[in-house]
């Protein structure tokens, strides 16, 4: 799942860990794969920073907060712009 950009796995002390916030009731947040696919060229830690940091394009909310509310399109757009200057 990690290699297919469906779930975020982070390397910590030479082990892969999977942050709990990407799971709801034991299942991966259903829209996470769309965002991770856009960010596939970025490292896992950069992907995590994107998901957990407030974004002006999202009215200051974190992408994760928006995804949890089902607001997918603005997060995908923000992911496409991530790392570029506004």
Protein backbone atom coordinates (compact mmCIF):
# COMPACT_ATOMS: atom_id res chain seq x y z
CA UNK A 1 0.00 0.00 0.00
CA UNK A 2 2.83 2.41 0.80
CA UNK A 3 4.55 1.87 -2.55
CA UNK A 4 1.26 2.48 -4.36
CA UNK A 5 0.83 5.82 -2.55
CA UNK A 6 -2.22 4.61 -0.64
CA UNK A 7 -0.77 5.05 2.84
CA UNK A 8 2.04 7.13 4.33
CA UNK A 9 4.94 5.20 5.86
CA UNK A 10 7.77 7.03 7.61
CA UNK A 11 11.25 5.70 8.24
CA UNK A 12 12.11 6.06 11.93
CA UNK A 13 15.25 4.41 13.30
CA UNK A 14 15.40 2.13 10.25
CA UNK A 15 11.80 0.96 10.75
CA UNK A 16 8.65 1.95 8.90
CA UNK A 17 5.94 3.54 11.02
CA UNK A 18 2.45 4.44 9.88
CA UNK A 19 0.96 7.55 11.55
CA UNK A 20 -2.36 6.79 13.23
CA UNK A 21 -4.05 9.95 11.93
CA UNK A 22 -4.33 8.46 8.44
CA UNK A 23 -6.60 5.67 9.68
CA UNK A 24 -10.28 5.87 10.59
CA UNK A 25 -11.86 2.82 12.20
CA UNK A 26 -8.88 0.72 11.13
CA UNK A 27 -9.07 1.75 7.49
CA UNK A 28 -6.94 4.24 5.56
CA UNK A 29 -8.58 7.62 4.99
CA UNK A 30 -10.19 6.88 1.64
CA UNK A 31 -9.01 9.97 -0.23
CA UNK A 32 -5.44 10.00 1.05
CA UNK A 33 -4.20 8.10 -2.00
CA UNK A 34 -5.21 10.94 -4.33
CA UNK A 35 -3.08 13.42 -2.40
CA UNK A 36 -0.11 11.08 -1.94
CA UNK A 37 -0.13 10.36 -5.68
CA UNK A 38 0.24 14.09 -6.40
CA UNK A 39 3.09 14.31 -3.87
CA UNK A 40 4.78 11.07 -4.97
CA UNK A 41 8.00 12.86 -5.98
CA UNK A 42 8.36 14.24 -2.45
CA UNK A 43 9.72 12.22 0.44
CA UNK A 44 7.44 10.77 3.10
CA UNK A 45 8.45 13.35 5.71
CA UNK A 46 7.65 16.18 3.27
CA UNK A 47 4.30 14.57 2.53
CA UNK A 48 3.57 14.45 6.26
CA UNK A 49 4.51 18.11 6.68
CA UNK A 50 2.15 19.03 3.86
CA UNK A 51 -0.74 17.11 5.43
CA UNK A 52 -0.23 18.48 8.95
CA UNK A 53 0.62 22.12 8.27
CA UNK A 54 -1.97 24.86 7.88
CA UNK A 55 -2.17 26.14 4.31
CA UNK A 56 -3.26 29.58 3.13
CA UNK A 57 -4.89 27.93 0.10
CA UNK A 58 -7.11 26.04 2.56
CA UNK A 59 -8.04 29.09 4.66
CA UNK A 60 -5.40 28.15 7.23
CA UNK A 61 -6.70 24.61 7.78
CA UNK A 62 -4.43 21.63 7.42
CA UNK A 63 -4.93 19.40 4.40
CA UNK A 64 -5.70 16.54 6.78
CA UNK A 65 -8.54 18.53 8.38
CA UNK A 66 -10.02 19.24 4.97
CA UNK A 67 -9.72 15.60 3.88
CA UNK A 68 -11.43 14.45 7.06
CA UNK A 69 -14.34 16.73 6.14
CA UNK A 70 -14.49 15.27 2.64
CA UNK A 71 -13.07 18.37 0.93
CA UNK A 72 -10.83 16.63 -1.57
CA UNK A 73 -10.48 18.98 -4.56
CA UNK A 74 -8.97 21.96 -2.69
CA UNK A 75 -6.42 19.67 -1.04
CA UNK A 76 -5.39 18.10 -4.35
CA UNK A 77 -4.98 21.59 -5.82
CA UNK A 78 -2.90 22.69 -2.81
CA UNK A 79 -0.78 19.54 -3.19
CA UNK A 80 -0.13 20.36 -6.85
CA UNK A 81 1.09 23.81 -5.81
CA UNK A 82 3.06 22.60 -2.78
CA UNK A 83 6.62 23.83 -2.78
CA UNK A 84 6.01 26.53 -5.38
CA UNK A 85 5.88 30.22 -4.59
CA UNK A 86 2.51 31.90 -4.62
